[in-house]
Amino acid sequence: LYLDRYSDTDIIDINMGCPVPKVVKGGAGSALMKEPDKIYEMVSK
């Protein structure tokens, strides 16, 4: 929502591919590939 309202970006991209340990350790990046239901909820919302 912040990017939608305050950034001049044209597209909002969600990262579900980063393999870096400090990112996936927190459940982000490619760690989300293990949770398809969560992916649907996050993207749809």
ModelCIF file with pLDDT and N, C-alpha, C, O atoms, coordinates in Angstrom:
data_MODEL
#
_entry.id   MODEL 
#
_entity.id                         1 
_entity.type                       polymer 
_entity.pdbx_number_of_molecules   1 
#
_entity_poly.entity_id                      1 
_entity_poly.type                           'polypeptide(L)' 
_entity_poly.nstd_linkage                   no 
_entity_poly.nstd_monomer                   no 
_entity_poly.pdbx_seq_one_letter_code       LYLDRYSDTDIIDINMGCPVPKVVKGGAGSALMKEPDKIYEMVSK 
_entity_poly.pdbx_seq_one_letter_code_can   LYLDRYSDTDIIDINMGCPVPKVVKGGAGSALMKEPDKIYEMVSK 
_entity_poly.pdbx_strand_id                 A 
#
loop_
_entity_poly_seq.entity_id 
_entity_poly_seq.num 
_entity_poly_seq.mon_id 
_entity_poly_seq.hetero 
1 1  LEU n 
1 2  TYR n 
1 3  LEU n 
1 4  ASP n 
1 5  ARG n 
1 6  TYR n 
1 7  SER n 
1 8  ASP n 
1 9  THR n 
1 10 ASP n 
1 11 ILE n 
1 12 ILE n 
1 13 ASP n 
1 14 ILE n 
1 15 ASN n 
1 16 MET n 
1 17 GLY n 
1 18 CYS n 
1 19 PRO n 
1 20 VAL n 
1 21 PRO n 
1 22 LYS n 
1 23 VAL n 
1 24 VAL n 
1 25 LYS n 
1 26 GLY n 
1 27 GLY n 
1 28 ALA n 
1 29 GLY n 
1 30 SER n 
1 31 ALA n 
1 32 LEU n 
1 33 MET n 
1 34 LYS n 
1 35 GLU n 
1 36 PRO n 
1 37 ASP n 
1 38 LYS n 
1 39 ILE n 
1 40 TYR n 
1 41 GLU n 
1 42 MET n 
1 43 VAL n 
1 44 SER n 
1 45 LYS n 
#
_struct_asym.id          A 
_struct_asym.entity_id   1 
#
loop_
_ma_qa_metric.id 
_ma_qa_metric.mode 
_ma_qa_metric.name 
_ma_qa_metric.software_group_id 
_ma_qa_metric.type 
1 global pLDDT . pLDDT 
2 local  pLDDT . pLDDT 
#
_ma_qa_metric_global.metric_id      1 
_ma_qa_metric_global.metric_value   96.78 
_ma_qa_metric_global.model_id       1 
_ma_qa_metric_global.ordinal_id     1 
#
loop_
_ma_qa_metric_local.label_asym_id 
_ma_qa_metric_local.label_comp_id 
_ma_qa_metric_local.label_seq_id 
_ma_qa_metric_local.metric_id 
_ma_qa_metric_local.metric_value 
_ma_qa_metric_local.model_id 
_ma_qa_metric_local.ordinal_id 
A LEU 1  2 98.00 1 1  
A TYR 2  2 97.00 1 2  
A LEU 3  2 97.00 1 3  
A ASP 4  2 97.00 1 4  
A ARG 5  2 96.00 1 5  
A TYR 6  2 95.00 1 6  
A SER 7  2 95.00 1 7  
A ASP 8  2 96.00 1 8  
A THR 9  2 98.00 1 9  
A ASP 10 2 98.00 1 10 
A ILE 11 2 98.00 1 11 
A ILE 12 2 98.00 1 12 
A ASP 13 2 98.00 1 13 
A ILE 14 2 98.00 1 14 
A ASN 15 2 98.00 1 15 
A MET 16 2 98.00 1 16 
A GLY 17 2 96.00 1 17 
A CYS 18 2 95.00 1 18 
A PRO 19 2 95.00 1 19 
A VAL 20 2 94.00 1 20 
A PRO 21 2 94.00 1 21 
A LYS 22 2 94.00 1 22 
A VAL 23 2 95.00 1 23 
A VAL 24 2 96.00 1 24 
A LYS 25 2 95.00 1 25 
A GLY 26 2 94.00 1 26 
A GLY 27 2 97.00 1 27 
A ALA 28 2 97.00 1 28 
A GLY 29 2 97.00 1 29 
A SER 30 2 97.00 1 30 
A ALA 31 2 97.00 1 31 
A LEU 32 2 98.00 1 32 
A MET 33 2 97.00 1 33 
A LYS 34 2 97.00 1 34 
A GLU 35 2 97.00 1 35 
A PRO 36 2 97.00 1 36 
A ASP 37 2 97.00 1 37 
A LYS 38 2 98.00 1 38 
A ILE 39 2 98.00 1 39 
A TYR 40 2 98.00 1 40 
A GLU 41 2 98.00 1 41 
A MET 42 2 98.00 1 42 
A VAL 43 2 98.00 1 43 
A SER 44 2 98.00 1 44 
A LYS 45 2 98.00 1 45 
#
loop_
_atom_site.group_PDB 
_atom_site.id 
_atom_site.type_symbol 
_atom_site.label_atom_id 
_atom_site.label_alt_id 
_atom_site.label_comp_id 
_atom_site.label_asym_id 
_atom_site.label_entity_id 
_atom_site.label_seq_id 
_atom_site.pdbx_PDB_ins_code 
_atom_site.Cartn_x 
_atom_site.Cartn_y 
_atom_site.Cartn_z 
_atom_site.occupancy 
_atom_site.B_iso_or_equiv 
_atom_site.pdbx_formal_charge 
_atom_site.auth_seq_id 
_atom_site.auth_comp_id 
_atom_site.auth_asym_id 
_atom_site.auth_atom_id 
_atom_site.pdbx_PDB_model_num 
ATOM 1   N N  . LEU A 1 1  ? 0.833  -1.208  0.000   1.00 98.00 ? 1  LEU A N  1 
ATOM 2   C CA . LEU A 1 1  ? 0.000  0.000   0.000   1.00 98.00 ? 1  LEU A CA 1 
ATOM 3   C C  . LEU A 1 1  ? 0.868  1.259   0.000   1.00 98.00 ? 1  LEU A C  1 
ATOM 4   O O  . LEU A 1 1  ? 0.538  2.250   -0.651  1.00 98.00 ? 1  LEU A O  1 
ATOM 5   N N  . TYR A 1 2  ? 1.968  1.209   0.728   1.00 97.00 ? 2  TYR A N  1 
ATOM 6   C CA . TYR A 1 2  ? 2.878  2.359   0.744   1.00 97.00 ? 2  TYR A CA 1 
ATOM 7   C C  . TYR A 1 2  ? 3.399  2.619   -0.673  1.00 97.00 ? 2  TYR A C  1 
ATOM 8   O O  . TYR A 1 2  ? 3.390  3.757   -1.142  1.00 97.00 ? 2  TYR A O  1 
ATOM 9   N N  . LEU A 1 3  ? 3.853  1.560   -1.352  1.00 97.00 ? 3  LEU A N  1 
ATOM 10  C CA . LEU A 1 3  ? 4.362  1.725   -2.718  1.00 97.00 ? 3  LEU A CA 1 
ATOM 11  C C  . LEU A 1 3  ? 3.261  2.209   -3.663  1.00 97.00 ? 3  LEU A C  1 
ATOM 12  O O  . LEU A 1 3  ? 3.501  3.020   -4.558  1.00 97.00 ? 3  LEU A O  1 
ATOM 13  N N  . ASP A 1 4  ? 2.072  1.703   -3.447  1.00 97.00 ? 4  ASP A N  1 
ATOM 14  C CA . ASP A 1 4  ? 0.938  2.077   -4.296  1.00 97.00 ? 4  ASP A CA 1 
ATOM 15  C C  . ASP A 1 4  ? 0.618  3.566   -4.166  1.00 97.00 ? 4  ASP A C  1 
ATOM 16  O O  . ASP A 1 4  ? 0.286  4.226   -5.151  1.00 97.00 ? 4  ASP A O  1 
ATOM 17  N N  . ARG A 1 5  ? 0.718  4.075   -2.971  1.00 96.00 ? 5  ARG A N  1 
ATOM 18  C CA . ARG A 1 5  ? 0.309  5.464   -2.706  1.00 96.00 ? 5  ARG A CA 1 
ATOM 19  C C  . ARG A 1 5  ? 1.438  6.478   -2.864  1.00 96.00 ? 5  ARG A C  1 
ATOM 20  O O  . ARG A 1 5  ? 1.224  7.593   -3.340  1.00 96.00 ? 5  ARG A O  1 
ATOM 21  N N  . TYR A 1 6  ? 2.645  6.074   -2.457  1.00 95.00 ? 6  TYR A N  1 
ATOM 22  C CA . TYR A 1 6  ? 3.700  7.080   -2.328  1.00 95.00 ? 6  TYR A CA 1 
ATOM 23  C C  . TYR A 1 6  ? 4.904  6.892   -3.254  1.00 95.00 ? 6  TYR A C  1 
ATOM 24  O O  . TYR A 1 6  ? 5.767  7.767   -3.331  1.00 95.00 ? 6  TYR A O  1 
ATOM 25  N N  . SER A 1 7  ? 4.965  5.776   -3.943  1.00 95.00 ? 7  SER A N  1 
ATOM 26  C CA . SER A 1 7  ? 6.086  5.558   -4.860  1.00 95.00 ? 7  SER A CA 1 
ATOM 27  C C  . SER A 1 7  ? 5.625  5.779   -6.299  1.00 95.00 ? 7  SER A C  1 
ATOM 28  O O  . SER A 1 7  ? 4.458  5.567   -6.630  1.00 95.00 ? 7  SER A O  1 
ATOM 29  N N  . ASP A 1 8  ? 6.557  6.208   -7.147  1.00 96.00 ? 8  ASP A N  1 
ATOM 30  C CA . ASP A 1 8  ? 6.256  6.381   -8.565  1.00 96.00 ? 8  ASP A CA 1 
ATOM 31  C C  . ASP A 1 8  ? 6.452  5.094   -9.359  1.00 96.00 ? 8  ASP A C  1 
ATOM 32  O O  . ASP A 1 8  ? 6.416  5.109   -10.589 1.00 96.00 ? 8  ASP A O  1 
ATOM 33  N N  . THR A 1 9  ? 6.659  3.979   -8.657  1.00 98.00 ? 9  THR A N  1 
ATOM 34  C CA . THR A 1 9  ? 6.812  2.717   -9.365  1.00 98.00 ? 9  THR A CA 1 
ATOM 35  C C  . THR A 1 9  ? 5.558  2.404   -10.176 1.00 98.00 ? 9  THR A C  1 
ATOM 36  O O  . THR A 1 9  ? 4.451  2.781   -9.792  1.00 98.00 ? 9  THR A O  1 
ATOM 37  N N  . ASP A 1 10 ? 5.737  1.717   -11.292 1.00 98.00 ? 10 ASP A N  1 
ATOM 38  C CA . ASP A 1 10 ? 4.602  1.333   -12.131 1.00 98.00 ? 10 ASP A CA 1 
ATOM 39  C C  . ASP A 1 10 ? 4.043  -0.030  -11.729 1.00 98.00 ? 10 ASP A C  1 
ATOM 40  O O  . ASP A 1 10 ? 2.858  -0.308  -11.913 1.00 98.00 ? 10 ASP A O  1 
ATOM 41  N N  . ILE A 1 11 ? 4.919  -0.878  -11.176 1.00 98.00 ? 11 ILE A N  1 
ATOM 42  C CA . ILE A 1 11 ? 4.568  -2.261  -10.857 1.00 98.00 ? 11 ILE A CA 1 
ATOM 43  C C  . ILE A 1 11 ? 5.093  -2.587  -9.465  1.00 98.00 ? 11 ILE A C  1 
ATOM 44  O O  . ILE A 1 11 ? 6.172  -2.136  -9.082  1.00 98.00 ? 11 ILE A O  1 
ATOM 45  N N  . ILE A 1 12 ? 4.327  -3.373  -8.710  1.00 98.00 ? 12 ILE A N  1 
ATOM 46  C CA . ILE A 1 12 ? 4.771  -3.852  -7.400  1.00 98.00 ? 12 ILE A CA 1 
ATOM 47  C C  . ILE A 1 12 ? 5.109  -5.330  -7.539  1.00 98.00 ? 12 ILE A C  1 
ATOM 48  O O  . ILE A 1 12 ? 4.244  -6.146  -7.857  1.00 98.00 ? 12 ILE A O  1 
ATOM 49  N N  . ASP A 1 13 ? 6.373  -5.669  -7.297  1.00 98.00 ? 13 ASP A N  1 
ATOM 50  C CA . ASP A 1 13 ? 6.831  -7.046  -7.454  1.00 98.00 ? 13 ASP A CA 1 
ATOM 51  C C  . ASP A 1 13 ? 7.078  -7.668  -6.082  1.00 98.00 ? 13 ASP A C  1 
ATOM 52  O O  . ASP A 1 13 ? 7.672  -7.036  -5.207  1.00 98.00 ? 13 ASP A O  1 
ATOM 53  N N  . ILE A 1 14 ? 6.624  -8.899  -5.897  1.00 98.00 ? 14 ILE A N  1 
ATOM 54  C CA . ILE A 1 14 ? 6.812  -9.600  -4.626  1.00 98.00 ? 14 ILE A CA 1 
ATOM 55  C C  . ILE A 1 14 ? 7.903  -10.652 -4.802  1.00 98.00 ? 14 ILE A C  1 
ATOM 56  O O  . ILE A 1 14 ? 7.838  -11.489 -5.702  1.00 98.00 ? 14 ILE A O  1 
ATOM 57  N N  . ASN A 1 15 ? 8.906  -10.593 -3.926  1.00 98.00 ? 15 ASN A N  1 
ATOM 58  C CA . ASN A 1 15 ? 10.011 -11.541 -4.017  1.00 98.00 ? 15 ASN A CA 1 
ATOM 59  C C  . ASN A 1 15 ? 9.692  -12.829 -3.269  1.00 98.00 ? 15 ASN A C  1 
ATOM 60  O O  . ASN A 1 15 ? 9.474  -12.829 -2.057  1.00 98.00 ? 15 ASN A O  1 
ATOM 61  N N  . MET A 1 16 ? 9.669  -13.934 -4.025  1.00 98.00 ? 16 MET A N  1 
ATOM 62  C CA . MET A 1 16 ? 9.531  -15.261 -3.436  1.00 98.00 ? 16 MET A CA 1 
ATOM 63  C C  . MET A 1 16 ? 10.635 -16.154 -3.976  1.00 98.00 ? 16 MET A C  1 
ATOM 64  O O  . MET A 1 16 ? 10.488 -17.373 -4.062  1.00 98.00 ? 16 MET A O  1 
ATOM 65  N N  . GLY A 1 17 ? 11.762 -15.509 -4.343  1.00 96.00 ? 17 GLY A N  1 
ATOM 66  C CA . GLY A 1 17 ? 12.847 -16.264 -4.953  1.00 96.00 ? 17 GLY A CA 1 
ATOM 67  C C  . GLY A 1 17 ? 14.200 -16.109 -4.306  1.00 96.00 ? 17 GLY A C  1 
ATOM 68  O O  . GLY A 1 17 ? 15.098 -16.907 -4.576  1.00 96.00 ? 17 GLY A O  1 
ATOM 69  N N  . CYS A 1 18 ? 14.381 -15.099 -3.451  1.00 95.00 ? 18 CYS A N  1 
ATOM 70  C CA . CYS A 1 18 ? 15.702 -14.860 -2.875  1.00 95.00 ? 18 CYS A CA 1 
ATOM 71  C C  . CYS A 1 18 ? 16.154 -16.061 -2.027  1.00 95.00 ? 18 CYS A C  1 
ATOM 72  O O  . CYS A 1 18 ? 15.407 -16.510 -1.158  1.00 95.00 ? 18 CYS A O  1 
ATOM 73  N N  . PRO A 1 19 ? 17.374 -16.587 -2.271  1.00 95.00 ? 19 PRO A N  1 
ATOM 74  C CA . PRO A 1 19 ? 17.853 -17.745 -1.514  1.00 95.00 ? 19 PRO A CA 1 
ATOM 75  C C  . PRO A 1 19 ? 18.770 -17.396 -0.347  1.00 95.00 ? 19 PRO A C  1 
ATOM 76  O O  . PRO A 1 19 ? 19.253 -18.294 0.343   1.00 95.00 ? 19 PRO A O  1 
ATOM 77  N N  . VAL A 1 20 ? 19.021 -16.101 -0.114  1.00 94.00 ? 20 VAL A N  1 
ATOM 78  C CA . VAL A 1 20 ? 19.979 -15.673 0.906   1.00 94.00 ? 20 VAL A CA 1 
ATOM 79  C C  . VAL A 1 20 ? 19.527 -16.130 2.298   1.00 94.00 ? 20 VAL A C  1 
ATOM 80  O O  . VAL A 1 20 ? 18.373 -15.922 2.672   1.00 94.00 ? 20 VAL A O  1 
ATOM 81  N N  . PRO A 1 21 ? 20.429 -16.748 3.064   1.00 94.00 ? 21 PRO A N  1 
ATOM 82  C CA . PRO A 1 21 ? 20.054 -17.302 4.382   1.00 94.00 ? 21 PRO A CA 1 
ATOM 83  C C  . PRO A 1 21 ? 19.327 -16.326 5.302   1.00 94.00 ? 21 PRO A C  1 
ATOM 84  O O  . PRO A 1 21 ? 18.336 -16.701 5.928   1.00 94.00 ? 21 PRO A O  1 
ATOM 85  N N  . LYS A 1 22 ? 19.796 -15.083 5.400   1.00 94.00 ? 22 LYS A N  1 
ATOM 86  C CA . LYS A 1 22 ? 19.162 -14.156 6.343   1.00 94.00 ? 22 LYS A CA 1 
ATOM 87  C C  . LYS A 1 22 ? 17.738 -13.792 5.922   1.00 94.00 ? 22 LYS A C  1 
ATOM 88  O O  . LYS A 1 22 ? 16.938 -13.359 6.751   1.00 94.00 ? 22 LYS A O  1 
ATOM 89  N N  . VAL A 1 23 ? 17.419 -13.966 4.632   1.00 95.00 ? 23 VAL A N  1 
ATOM 90  C CA . VAL A 1 23 ? 16.068 -13.698 4.140   1.00 95.00 ? 23 VAL A CA 1 
ATOM 91  C C  . VAL A 1 23 ? 15.166 -14.908 4.391   1.00 95.00 ? 23 VAL A C  1 
ATOM 92  O O  . VAL A 1 23 ? 14.069 -14.781 4.936   1.00 95.00 ? 23 VAL A O  1 
ATOM 93  N N  . VAL A 1 24 ? 15.650 -16.083 3.983   1.00 96.00 ? 24 VAL A N  1 
ATOM 94  C CA . VAL A 1 24 ? 14.808 -17.284 4.128   1.00 96.00 ? 24 VAL A CA 1 
ATOM 95  C C  . VAL A 1 24 ? 14.664 -17.709 5.589   1.00 96.00 ? 24 VAL A C  1 
ATOM 96  O O  . VAL A 1 24 ? 13.687 -18.362 5.955   1.00 96.00 ? 24 VAL A O  1 
ATOM 97  N N  . LYS A 1 25 ? 15.632 -17.339 6.418   1.00 95.00 ? 25 LYS A N  1 
ATOM 98  C CA . LYS A 1 25 ? 15.549 -17.665 7.843   1.00 95.00 ? 25 LYS A CA 1 
ATOM 99  C C  . LYS A 1 25 ? 14.309 -17.055 8.479   1.00 95.00 ? 25 LYS A C  1 
ATOM 100 O O  . LYS A 1 25 ? 13.728 -17.623 9.404   1.00 95.00 ? 25 LYS A O  1 
ATOM 101 N N  . GLY A 1 26 ? 13.911 -15.891 7.973   1.00 94.00 ? 26 GLY A N  1 
ATOM 102 C CA . GLY A 1 26 ? 12.719 -15.228 8.491   1.00 94.00 ? 26 GLY A CA 1 
ATOM 103 C C  . GLY A 1 26 ? 11.444 -15.641 7.769   1.00 94.00 ? 26 GLY A C  1 
ATOM 104 O O  . GLY A 1 26 ? 10.381 -15.065 8.002   1.00 94.00 ? 26 GLY A O  1 
ATOM 105 N N  . GLY A 1 27 ? 11.547 -16.643 6.889   1.00 97.00 ? 27 GLY A N  1 
ATOM 106 C CA . GLY A 1 27 ? 10.358 -17.142 6.196   1.00 97.00 ? 27 GLY A CA 1 
ATOM 107 C C  . GLY A 1 27 ? 10.020 -16.387 4.931   1.00 97.00 ? 27 GLY A C  1 
ATOM 108 O O  . GLY A 1 27 ? 8.971  -16.623 4.333   1.00 97.00 ? 27 GLY A O  1 
ATOM 109 N N  . ALA A 1 28 ? 10.905 -15.465 4.504   1.00 97.00 ? 28 ALA A N  1 
ATOM 110 C CA . ALA A 1 28 ? 10.650 -14.680 3.295   1.00 97.00 ? 28 ALA A CA 1 
ATOM 111 C C  . ALA A 1 28 ? 11.415 -15.256 2.115   1.00 97.00 ? 28 ALA A C  1 
ATOM 112 O O  . ALA A 1 28 ? 12.049 -16.306 2.219   1.00 97.00 ? 28 ALA A O  1 
ATOM 113 N N  . GLY A 1 29 ? 11.345 -14.540 0.972   1.00 97.00 ? 29 GLY A N  1 
ATOM 114 C CA . GLY A 1 29 ? 12.056 -14.996 -0.215  1.00 97.00 ? 29 GLY A CA 1 
ATOM 115 C C  . GLY A 1 29 ? 11.604 -16.381 -0.637  1.00 97.00 ? 29 GLY A C  1 
ATOM 116 O O  . GLY A 1 29 ? 10.411 -16.681 -0.636  1.00 97.00 ? 29 GLY A O  1 
ATOM 117 N N  . SER A 1 30 ? 12.563 -17.225 -0.998  1.00 97.00 ? 30 SER A N  1 
ATOM 118 C CA . SER A 1 30 ? 12.203 -18.553 -1.513  1.00 97.00 ? 30 SER A CA 1 
ATOM 119 C C  . SER A 1 30 ? 11.658 -19.488 -0.442  1.00 97.00 ? 30 SER A C  1 
ATOM 120 O O  . SER A 1 30 ? 11.158 -20.565 -0.765  1.00 97.00 ? 30 SER A O  1 
ATOM 121 N N  . ALA A 1 31 ? 11.746 -19.094 0.839   1.00 97.00 ? 31 ALA A N  1 
ATOM 122 C CA . ALA A 1 31 ? 11.122 -19.912 1.890   1.00 97.00 ? 31 ALA A CA 1 
ATOM 123 C C  . ALA A 1 31 ? 9.612  -19.983 1.694   1.00 97.00 ? 31 ALA A C  1 
ATOM 124 O O  . ALA A 1 31 ? 8.973  -20.950 2.109   1.00 97.00 ? 31 ALA A O  1 
ATOM 125 N N  . LEU A 1 32 ? 9.042  -18.960 1.061   1.00 98.00 ? 32 LEU A N  1 
ATOM 126 C CA . LEU A 1 32 ? 7.596  -18.959 0.819   1.00 98.00 ? 32 LEU A CA 1 
ATOM 127 C C  . LEU A 1 32 ? 7.175  -20.066 -0.149  1.00 98.00 ? 32 LEU A C  1 
ATOM 128 O O  . LEU A 1 32 ? 6.006  -20.451 -0.177  1.00 98.00 ? 32 LEU A O  1 
ATOM 129 N N  . MET A 1 33 ? 8.119  -20.577 -0.939  1.00 97.00 ? 33 MET A N  1 
ATOM 130 C CA . MET A 1 33 ? 7.782  -21.668 -1.865  1.00 97.00 ? 33 MET A CA 1 
ATOM 131 C C  . MET A 1 33 ? 7.309  -22.916 -1.113  1.00 97.00 ? 33 MET A C  1 
ATOM 132 O O  . MET A 1 33 ? 6.684  -23.800 -1.698  1.00 97.00 ? 33 MET A O  1 
ATOM 133 N N  . LYS A 1 34 ? 7.610  -22.976 0.173   1.00 97.00 ? 34 LYS A N  1 
ATOM 134 C CA . LYS A 1 34 ? 7.175  -24.124 0.982   1.00 97.00 ? 34 LYS A CA 1 
ATOM 135 C C  . LYS A 1 34 ? 5.750  -23.967 1.499   1.00 97.00 ? 34 LYS A C  1 
ATOM 136 O O  . LYS A 1 34 ? 5.199  -24.886 2.107   1.00 97.00 ? 34 LYS A O  1 
ATOM 137 N N  . GLU A 1 35 ? 5.142  -22.776 1.251   1.00 97.00 ? 35 GLU A N  1 
ATOM 138 C CA . GLU A 1 35 ? 3.810  -22.502 1.801   1.00 97.00 ? 35 GLU A CA 1 
ATOM 139 C C  . GLU A 1 35 ? 2.855  -21.971 0.724   1.00 97.00 ? 35 GLU A C  1 
ATOM 140 O O  . GLU A 1 35 ? 2.528  -20.784 0.729   1.00 97.00 ? 35 GLU A O  1 
ATOM 141 N N  . PRO A 1 36 ? 2.412  -22.816 -0.183  1.00 97.00 ? 36 PRO A N  1 
ATOM 142 C CA . PRO A 1 36 ? 1.522  -22.380 -1.264  1.00 97.00 ? 36 PRO A CA 1 
ATOM 143 C C  . PRO A 1 36 ? 0.257  -21.673 -0.791  1.00 97.00 ? 36 PRO A C  1 
ATOM 144 O O  . PRO A 1 36 ? -0.175 -20.699 -1.407  1.00 97.00 ? 36 PRO A O  1 
ATOM 145 N N  . ASP A 1 37 ? -0.341 -22.157 0.302   1.00 97.00 ? 37 ASP A N  1 
ATOM 146 C CA . ASP A 1 37 ? -1.565 -21.509 0.801   1.00 97.00 ? 37 ASP A CA 1 
ATOM 147 C C  . ASP A 1 37 ? -1.278 -20.080 1.256   1.00 97.00 ? 37 ASP A C  1 
ATOM 148 O O  . ASP A 1 37 ? -2.076 -19.171 1.029   1.00 97.00 ? 37 ASP A O  1 
ATOM 149 N N  . LYS A 1 38 ? -0.147 -19.901 1.889   1.00 98.00 ? 38 LYS A N  1 
ATOM 150 C CA . LYS A 1 38 ? 0.238  -18.565 2.344   1.00 98.00 ? 38 LYS A CA 1 
ATOM 151 C C  . LYS A 1 38 ? 0.515  -17.660 1.145   1.00 98.00 ? 38 LYS A C  1 
ATOM 152 O O  . LYS A 1 38 ? 0.199  -16.470 1.176   1.00 98.00 ? 38 LYS A O  1 
ATOM 153 N N  . ILE A 1 39 ? 1.103  -18.221 0.094   1.00 98.00 ? 39 ILE A N  1 
ATOM 154 C CA . ILE A 1 39 ? 1.364  -17.452 -1.136  1.00 98.00 ? 39 ILE A CA 1 
ATOM 155 C C  . ILE A 1 39 ? 0.047  -16.920 -1.688  1.00 98.00 ? 39 ILE A C  1 
ATOM 156 O O  . ILE A 1 39 ? -0.060 -15.746 -2.040  1.00 98.00 ? 39 ILE A O  1 
ATOM 157 N N  . TYR A 1 40 ? -0.953 -17.793 -1.760  1.00 98.00 ? 40 TYR A N  1 
ATOM 158 C CA . TYR A 1 40 ? -2.252 -17.357 -2.290  1.00 98.00 ? 40 TYR A CA 1 
ATOM 159 C C  . TYR A 1 40 ? -2.841 -16.233 -1.439  1.00 98.00 ? 40 TYR A C  1 
ATOM 160 O O  . TYR A 1 40 ? -3.317 -15.228 -1.967  1.00 98.00 ? 40 TYR A O  1 
ATOM 161 N N  . GLU A 1 41 ? -2.805 -16.410 -0.127  1.00 98.00 ? 41 GLU A N  1 
ATOM 162 C CA . GLU A 1 41 ? -3.381 -15.398 0.754   1.00 98.00 ? 41 GLU A CA 1 
ATOM 163 C C  . GLU A 1 41 ? -2.643 -14.070 0.625   1.00 98.00 ? 41 GLU A C  1 
ATOM 164 O O  . GLU A 1 41 ? -3.267 -13.012 0.545   1.00 98.00 ? 41 GLU A O  1 
ATOM 165 N N  . MET A 1 42 ? -1.313 -14.128 0.606   1.00 98.00 ? 42 MET A N  1 
ATOM 166 C CA . MET A 1 42 ? -0.522 -12.897 0.522   1.00 98.00 ? 42 MET A CA 1 
ATOM 167 C C  . MET A 1 42 ? -0.773 -12.158 -0.781  1.00 98.00 ? 42 MET A C  1 
ATOM 168 O O  . MET A 1 42 ? -1.045 -10.958 -0.778  1.00 98.00 ? 42 MET A O  1 
ATOM 169 N N  . VAL A 1 43 ? -0.680 -12.872 -1.893  1.00 98.00 ? 43 VAL A N  1 
ATOM 170 C CA . VAL A 1 43 ? -0.832 -12.224 -3.199  1.00 98.00 ? 43 VAL A CA 1 
ATOM 171 C C  . VAL A 1 43 ? -2.254 -11.702 -3.391  1.00 98.00 ? 43 VAL A C  1 
ATOM 172 O O  . VAL A 1 43 ? -2.445 -10.571 -3.837  1.00 98.00 ? 43 VAL A O  1 
ATOM 173 N N  . SER A 1 44 ? -3.252 -12.521 -3.058  1.00 98.00 ? 44 SER A N  1 
ATOM 174 C CA . SER A 1 44 ? -4.642 -12.112 -3.277  1.00 98.00 ? 44 SER A CA 1 
ATOM 175 C C  . SER A 1 44 ? -5.013 -10.887 -2.444  1.00 98.00 ? 44 SER A C  1 
ATOM 176 O O  . SER A 1 44 ? -5.716 -9.997  -2.922  1.00 98.00 ? 44 SER A O  1 
ATOM 177 N N  . LYS A 1 45 ? -4.540 -10.844 -1.201  1.00 98.00 ? 45 LYS A N  1 
ATOM 178 C CA . LYS A 1 45 ? -4.863 -9.701  -0.342  1.00 98.00 ? 45 LYS A CA 1 
ATOM 179 C C  . LYS A 1 45 ? -4.158 -8.424  -0.802  1.00 98.00 ? 45 LYS A C  1 
ATOM 180 O O  . LYS A 1 45 ? -4.324 -7.371  -0.186  1.00 98.00 ? 45 LYS A O  1 
#
